[in-house]
Protein backbone atom coordinates (compact mmCIF):
# COMPACT_ATOMS: atom_id res chain seq x y z
CA UNK A 1 20.58 -24.14 -22.67
CA UNK A 2 22.41 -24.60 -19.39
CA UNK A 3 25.58 -23.32 -17.75
CA UNK A 4 26.86 -25.30 -14.76
CA UNK A 5 28.60 -23.61 -11.82
CA UNK A 6 30.59 -26.00 -9.60
CA UNK A 7 31.96 -24.57 -6.35
CA UNK A 8 32.17 -26.06 -2.87
CA UNK A 9 31.01 -22.78 -1.32
CA UNK A 10 27.22 -22.59 -1.89
CA UNK A 11 27.08 -18.87 -1.12
CA UNK A 12 29.73 -18.09 -3.75
CA UNK A 13 27.99 -20.31 -6.30
CA UNK A 14 24.70 -18.54 -5.63
CA UNK A 15 26.40 -15.16 -5.99
CA UNK A 16 27.93 -16.15 -9.32
CA UNK A 17 24.58 -17.45 -10.51
CA UNK A 18 22.84 -14.18 -9.64
CA UNK A 19 25.53 -12.09 -11.32
CA UNK A 20 25.52 -14.13 -14.52
CA UNK A 21 21.74 -14.29 -14.72
CA UNK A 22 21.82 -10.49 -14.79
CA UNK A 23 24.84 -10.03 -17.07
CA UNK A 24 24.31 -12.94 -19.49
CA UNK A 25 20.58 -13.75 -19.48
CA UNK A 26 18.96 -16.43 -21.58
CA UNK A 27 20.63 -19.42 -19.92
CA UNK A 28 19.54 -21.80 -17.18
CA UNK A 29 22.27 -21.62 -14.52
CA UNK A 30 22.73 -24.77 -12.44
CA UNK A 31 24.90 -25.06 -9.32
CA UNK A 32 26.50 -27.95 -7.45
CA UNK A 33 29.23 -28.31 -4.83
CA UNK A 34 31.22 -31.41 -5.80
CA UNK A 35 32.49 -33.46 -8.72
CA UNK A 36 30.06 -36.34 -8.18
CA UNK A 37 27.05 -34.06 -8.62
CA UNK A 38 28.73 -32.26 -11.53
CA UNK A 39 29.25 -35.58 -13.37
CA UNK A 40 25.62 -36.57 -12.75
CA UNK A 41 24.42 -33.30 -14.25
CA UNK A 42 26.81 -33.44 -17.20
CA UNK A 43 26.54 -37.12 -18.05
CA UNK A 44 23.36 -38.35 -16.43
CA UNK A 45 20.99 -37.53 -19.26
CA UNK A 46 20.90 -33.73 -19.02
CA UNK A 47 24.49 -33.10 -20.10
CA UNK A 48 23.65 -32.61 -23.76
CA UNK A 49 22.04 -29.29 -22.83
CA UNK A 50 25.04 -27.95 -20.85
CA UNK A 51 26.95 -25.48 -23.01
CA UNK A 52 29.67 -24.48 -20.53
CA UNK A 53 31.00 -25.38 -17.08
CA UNK A 54 32.45 -22.95 -14.53
CA UNK A 55 34.48 -24.98 -12.05
CA UNK A 56 36.47 -24.09 -8.94
CA UNK A 57 39.99 -25.51 -9.09
CA UNK A 58 39.81 -26.49 -5.41
CA UNK A 59 36.60 -28.23 -4.39
CA UNK A 60 37.33 -28.96 -0.76
CA UNK A 61 39.29 -32.25 -0.77
CA UNK A 62 38.78 -32.60 -4.54
CA UNK A 63 40.46 -30.88 -7.47
CA UNK A 64 38.41 -29.34 -10.22
CA UNK A 65 41.12 -30.45 -12.64
CA UNK A 66 39.82 -34.01 -12.14
CA UNK A 67 36.71 -32.98 -14.07
CA UNK A 68 38.89 -31.98 -17.01
CA UNK A 69 40.64 -35.35 -16.90
CA UNK A 70 37.34 -37.19 -16.72
CA UNK A 71 35.89 -35.31 -19.68
CA UNK A 72 38.89 -36.20 -21.86
CA UNK A 73 37.95 -39.88 -22.03
CA UNK A 74 34.29 -39.33 -22.88
CA UNK A 75 33.04 -39.57 -26.48
CA UNK A 76 31.35 -36.71 -28.29
CA UNK A 77 31.95 -32.96 -28.38
CA UNK A 78 33.88 -31.56 -25.43
CA UNK A 79 31.92 -29.20 -23.18
CA UNK A 80 34.08 -26.09 -22.60
CA UNK A 81 35.24 -25.45 -19.04
CA UNK A 82 36.47 -22.24 -17.41
CA UNK A 83 38.38 -22.74 -14.17
CA UNK A 84 38.08 -20.39 -11.19
CA UNK A 85 40.90 -20.15 -8.68
CA UNK A 86 42.63 -17.96 -6.16
CA UNK A 87 45.87 -19.63 -7.27
CA UNK A 88 47.31 -17.43 -10.02
CA UNK A 89 50.47 -19.27 -10.96
CA UNK A 90 51.66 -19.93 -14.48
CA UNK A 91 52.10 -23.64 -13.75
CA UNK A 92 48.48 -24.02 -12.59
CA UNK A 93 47.14 -22.19 -15.63
CA UNK A 94 49.31 -24.23 -18.00
CA UNK A 95 48.22 -27.47 -16.34
CA UNK A 96 44.51 -26.67 -16.71
CA UNK A 97 45.01 -25.52 -20.29
CA UNK A 98 46.89 -28.73 -21.07
CA UNK A 99 43.97 -30.76 -19.70
CA UNK A 100 41.55 -29.00 -22.04
CA UNK A 101 40.23 -25.99 -20.10
CA UNK A 102 39.11 -23.12 -22.32
CA UNK A 103 39.58 -20.43 -19.69
CA UNK A 104 41.09 -19.58 -16.30
CA UNK A 105 39.87 -16.68 -14.16
CA UNK A 106 41.12 -15.47 -10.79
CA UNK A 107 38.63 -15.16 -7.94
CA UNK A 108 40.19 -11.78 -7.19
CA UNK A 109 39.25 -10.39 -10.62
CA UNK A 110 36.30 -8.07 -11.13
CA UNK A 111 33.05 -9.88 -12.07
CA UNK A 112 33.31 -8.26 -15.52
CA UNK A 113 36.36 -10.42 -16.24
CA UNK A 114 34.41 -13.66 -15.70
CA UNK A 115 31.53 -12.29 -17.76
CA UNK A 116 33.89 -11.51 -20.63
CA UNK A 117 35.55 -14.91 -20.29
CA UNK A 118 32.21 -16.69 -20.59
CA UNK A 119 31.15 -14.62 -23.59
CA UNK A 120 34.49 -15.29 -25.26
CA UNK A 121 34.34 -19.04 -24.66
CA UNK A 122 30.69 -19.34 -25.73
CA UNK A 123 31.74 -17.62 -28.97
CA UNK A 124 34.37 -20.32 -29.53
CA UNK A 125 37.43 -18.56 -28.09
CA UNK A 126 39.69 -19.04 -25.09
CA UNK A 127 40.37 -16.81 -22.10
CA UNK A 128 43.58 -17.12 -20.09
CA UNK A 129 45.40 -14.57 -17.88
CA UNK A 130 48.35 -12.64 -19.19
CA UNK A 131 51.41 -11.94 -17.09
CA UNK A 132 52.51 -9.27 -19.57
CA UNK A 133 51.56 -6.31 -17.36
CA UNK A 134 53.38 -3.90 -19.64
CA UNK A 135 51.21 -4.99 -22.53
CA UNK A 136 47.91 -4.53 -20.66
CA UNK A 137 49.12 -1.18 -19.31
CA UNK A 138 49.88 0.01 -22.85
CA UNK A 139 46.42 -1.14 -23.94
CA UNK A 140 44.74 0.94 -21.25
CA UNK A 141 46.92 3.99 -21.94
CA UNK A 142 46.14 3.84 -25.66
CA UNK A 143 42.43 3.22 -25.11
CA UNK A 144 42.13 6.36 -23.02
CA UNK A 145 43.87 8.39 -25.74
CA UNK A 146 41.39 7.52 -28.49
CA UNK A 147 38.92 10.05 -29.86
CA UNK A 148 35.46 10.27 -28.33
CA UNK A 149 33.87 8.59 -31.35
CA UNK A 150 36.46 5.78 -31.41
CA UNK A 151 35.86 5.09 -27.72
CA UNK A 152 32.09 5.13 -28.28
CA UNK A 153 32.41 2.48 -30.99
CA UNK A 154 34.78 0.41 -28.83
CA UNK A 155 32.55 0.64 -25.75
CA UNK A 156 29.53 -0.56 -27.70
CA UNK A 157 31.53 -3.37 -29.31
CA UNK A 158 32.82 -4.53 -25.90
CA UNK A 159 29.20 -4.51 -24.72
CA UNK A 160 28.52 -7.17 -27.39
CA UNK A 161 26.54 -5.01 -29.82
CA UNK A 162 26.74 -6.00 -33.48
CA UNK A 163 28.06 -3.62 -36.15
CA UNK A 164 24.48 -2.99 -37.23
CA UNK A 165 23.40 -2.16 -33.67
CA UNK A 166 26.41 0.15 -33.19
CA UNK A 167 25.59 1.94 -36.44
CA UNK A 168 21.99 2.47 -35.39
CA UNK A 169 23.00 3.58 -31.89
CA UNK A 170 25.45 6.20 -33.21
CA UNK A 171 23.46 7.14 -36.34
CA UNK A 172 26.27 6.13 -38.71
CA UNK A 173 26.60 3.48 -41.42
CA UNK A 174 27.83 -0.08 -40.88
CA UNK A 175 30.70 0.70 -43.25
CA UNK A 176 31.75 3.57 -41.00
CA UNK A 177 31.61 1.26 -37.99
CA UNK A 178 33.89 -1.22 -39.76
CA UNK A 179 36.33 1.60 -40.60
CA UNK A 180 36.40 2.72 -36.96
CA UNK A 181 36.98 -0.85 -35.78
CA UNK A 182 39.92 -1.24 -38.15
CA UNK A 183 41.39 1.99 -36.78
CA UNK A 184 40.85 0.79 -33.21
CA UNK A 185 42.47 -2.60 -33.87
CA UNK A 186 45.53 -0.92 -35.31
CA UNK A 187 45.76 1.73 -32.59
CA UNK A 188 45.42 -0.82 -29.78
CA UNK A 189 47.56 -3.45 -31.53
CA UNK A 190 44.91 -6.18 -31.28
CA UNK A 191 43.69 -8.69 -33.87
CA UNK A 192 39.93 -8.43 -33.65
CA UNK A 193 36.91 -7.55 -31.52
CA UNK A 194 37.31 -10.58 -29.23
CA UNK A 195 40.98 -9.76 -28.66
CA UNK A 196 40.38 -6.16 -27.59
CA UNK A 197 37.45 -7.23 -25.39
CA UNK A 198 39.71 -9.72 -23.61
CA UNK A 199 42.49 -7.15 -23.18
CA UNK A 200 39.99 -4.58 -21.91
CA UNK A 201 38.70 -6.99 -19.28
CA UNK A 202 42.20 -7.97 -18.18
CA UNK A 203 43.37 -4.40 -17.65
CA UNK A 204 40.16 -3.30 -15.91
CA UNK A 205 38.72 -1.11 -18.67
CA UNK A 206 34.95 -0.79 -18.21
CA UNK A 207 32.85 0.31 -21.23
CA UNK A 208 30.95 3.53 -20.65
CA UNK A 209 27.44 4.46 -21.56
CA UNK A 210 27.74 6.34 -24.82
CA UNK A 211 27.93 10.12 -24.37
CA UNK A 212 25.62 12.36 -26.34
CA UNK A 213 28.60 13.91 -28.16
CA UNK A 214 29.29 10.57 -29.81
CA UNK A 215 25.90 10.62 -31.52
CA UNK A 216 26.62 13.74 -33.56
């Protein structure tokens, strides 16, 4: 199972590879610096094993969006792509989304945002920036006002633990975990676990290690 990182700056690509190997282990991370090499990896016999592509929008004289265009005309299941860029304009995001990208992450974001984007996309979702700063601010304000136990459940859920794992970690039942998650969804005005994980990443909320008081 492979994830391909395409960036014309080898040092940045290597840094991303190291970060993701630590944060999302279990995948073989490949790197390349141009579209020609990316196409060879994706469609030269090894592409069937690539689950996701992380591609810089600006690859020197090339545009990463060309890869999206190229992939549109190929038969078979579409390999999801998340675009990286320092250009955070609505038009650029809309253009990439229209060409089939599943995510768009700013190079100025914290590494946790890219990690969350990849997890979201691998799970079948999408990850795009929100310009609704008021909304993300309200999310953070409400998250910090939750009870200690609610925050413990949320932090473990954001860290990708299953309901069963959360229940075992906090010494409660799975049913109780589900009840807490329903409360959290309503309090934070989100639809589901993926939604609040995305919002948490966008507003800079970092899950904590679970305090001892939450295990009572």
